[in-house]
Amino acid sequence: MSALTSSQLAAYRDARLKVVSGATVNREFSVLSHAIDTARREWDVYLLTNPCTLVRRPPQGRPQDRRLQGDEEKRLLAACRGARNKMAVRTPRLAGHRSSHPVERPST
């Protein structure tokens, strides 16, 4: 681990970006950086700095804009209702109270 350099990590980043998205590379670097930090702090591995912190991370990319299609809304709401029915602890409902949950629509 002591032989790991930021230039090696940059080469790894560039090779991975040819195969996967920037977000995936960022997640991989986060895991690697955490492993190196853990080794430095808890396992007495001597490294002056974490080489991951010296490598620029790629941009995340554009967020997805996903819309529900077909009967997805109906199935999602049914799953939410089913999950609520399975909860072990329920909060009391006030008479006439309507749900303010952002996914569930009040029944009419």
Protein backbone atom coordinates (compact mmCIF):
# COMPACT_ATOMS: atom_id res chain seq x y z
CA MET A 1 0.00 0.00 0.00
CA SER A 2 2.89 2.36 0.69
CA ALA A 3 3.89 2.13 -2.99
CA LEU A 4 0.49 3.43 -4.16
CA THR A 5 0.82 6.82 -5.87
CA SER A 6 -1.61 9.46 -7.03
CA SER A 7 -0.39 9.02 -10.63
CA GLN A 8 -1.32 5.32 -10.47
CA LEU A 9 -4.75 6.25 -9.15
CA ALA A 10 -5.19 8.85 -11.90
CA ALA A 11 -4.32 6.20 -14.52
CA TYR A 12 -6.85 3.85 -12.91
CA ARG A 13 -9.48 6.63 -12.97
CA ASP A 14 -8.86 7.31 -16.67
CA ALA A 15 -9.04 3.61 -17.58
CA ARG A 16 -12.26 3.11 -15.60
CA LEU A 17 -13.90 6.17 -17.18
CA LYS A 18 -13.68 4.37 -20.54
CA VAL A 19 -15.89 1.61 -19.11
CA VAL A 20 -18.15 3.13 -16.44
CA SER A 21 -19.67 6.50 -15.53
CA GLY A 22 -18.06 9.23 -13.46
CA ALA A 23 -20.46 8.52 -10.61
CA THR A 24 -19.27 4.89 -10.48
CA VAL A 25 -15.62 5.95 -10.42
CA ASN A 26 -16.40 8.41 -7.61
CA ARG A 27 -18.05 5.65 -5.57
CA GLU A 28 -15.05 3.37 -6.14
CA PHE A 29 -12.66 6.14 -5.07
CA SER A 30 -14.73 6.74 -1.95
CA VAL A 31 -14.45 3.08 -0.96
CA LEU A 32 -10.73 3.00 -1.72
CA SER A 33 -10.11 6.25 0.16
CA HIS A 34 -12.00 4.97 3.19
CA ALA A 35 -9.99 1.72 3.15
CA ILE A 36 -6.73 3.68 3.03
CA ASP A 37 -7.85 5.98 5.86
CA THR A 38 -8.84 2.97 7.95
CA ALA A 39 -5.47 1.32 7.32
CA ARG A 40 -3.66 4.52 8.33
CA ARG A 41 -5.69 5.08 11.50
CA GLU A 42 -6.41 1.62 12.81
CA TRP A 43 -3.84 -0.76 11.34
CA ASP A 44 -0.70 1.37 11.71
CA VAL A 45 -0.02 1.51 7.96
CA TYR A 46 2.26 4.47 7.47
CA LEU A 47 1.34 6.82 4.64
CA LEU A 48 2.05 10.53 4.88
CA THR A 49 -1.21 11.34 3.05
CA ASN A 50 -4.04 9.47 1.42
CA PRO A 51 -3.14 9.46 -2.32
CA CYS A 52 -6.84 9.45 -3.24
CA THR A 53 -7.15 13.01 -1.95
CA LEU A 54 -4.58 14.18 -4.53
CA VAL A 55 -6.51 12.86 -7.54
CA ARG A 56 -9.24 14.92 -9.18
CA ARG A 57 -12.60 13.21 -9.24
CA PRO A 58 -14.59 13.07 -12.49
CA PRO A 59 -17.85 14.98 -12.80
CA GLN A 60 -20.94 13.10 -11.64
CA GLY A 61 -22.79 13.49 -14.90
CA ARG A 62 -26.34 14.63 -15.43
CA PRO A 63 -29.00 13.46 -13.00
CA GLN A 64 -31.73 11.31 -14.46
CA ASP A 65 -35.15 12.77 -15.09
CA ARG A 66 -37.40 9.75 -14.61
CA ARG A 67 -41.18 9.83 -15.00
CA LEU A 68 -43.59 7.10 -13.97
CA GLN A 69 -45.02 5.18 -16.90
CA GLY A 70 -48.06 3.00 -17.37
CA ASP A 71 -49.39 1.55 -14.12
CA GLU A 72 -46.19 2.28 -12.14
CA GLU A 73 -47.95 4.89 -9.99
CA LYS A 74 -50.70 2.45 -9.03
CA ARG A 75 -48.19 -0.30 -8.18
CA LEU A 76 -45.99 2.11 -6.19
CA LEU A 77 -48.94 3.36 -4.13
CA ALA A 78 -50.13 -0.22 -3.51
CA ALA A 79 -46.63 -1.17 -2.31
CA CYS A 80 -46.58 1.85 0.02
CA ARG A 81 -49.95 0.90 1.48
CA GLY A 82 -48.79 -2.71 1.90
CA ALA A 83 -45.62 -1.59 3.68
CA ARG A 84 -47.61 0.64 6.02
CA ASN A 85 -49.92 -2.25 6.92
CA LYS A 86 -46.89 -4.39 7.87
CA MET A 87 -45.34 -1.82 10.22
CA ALA A 88 -45.12 -3.11 13.81
CA VAL A 89 -45.66 0.23 15.49
CA ARG A 90 -48.36 2.53 14.22
CA THR A 91 -48.98 6.10 15.13
CA PRO A 92 -52.52 7.01 16.15
CA ARG A 93 -54.57 8.84 13.54
CA LEU A 94 -56.74 11.76 14.40
CA ALA A 95 -60.36 11.71 13.29
CA GLY A 96 -60.67 13.33 9.89
CA HIS A 97 -56.89 13.49 9.43
CA ARG A 98 -55.72 13.21 5.85
CA SER A 99 -52.30 11.91 4.94
CA SER A 100 -49.67 14.49 4.09
CA HIS A 101 -47.28 11.85 2.74
CA PRO A 102 -45.78 13.17 -0.54
CA VAL A 103 -46.44 9.92 -2.43
CA GLU A 104 -49.85 8.99 -1.14
CA ARG A 105 -52.85 10.92 -2.41
CA PRO A 106 -55.83 11.45 -0.11
CA SER A 107 -58.79 9.30 -1.06
CA THR A 108 -61.88 11.16 -2.22
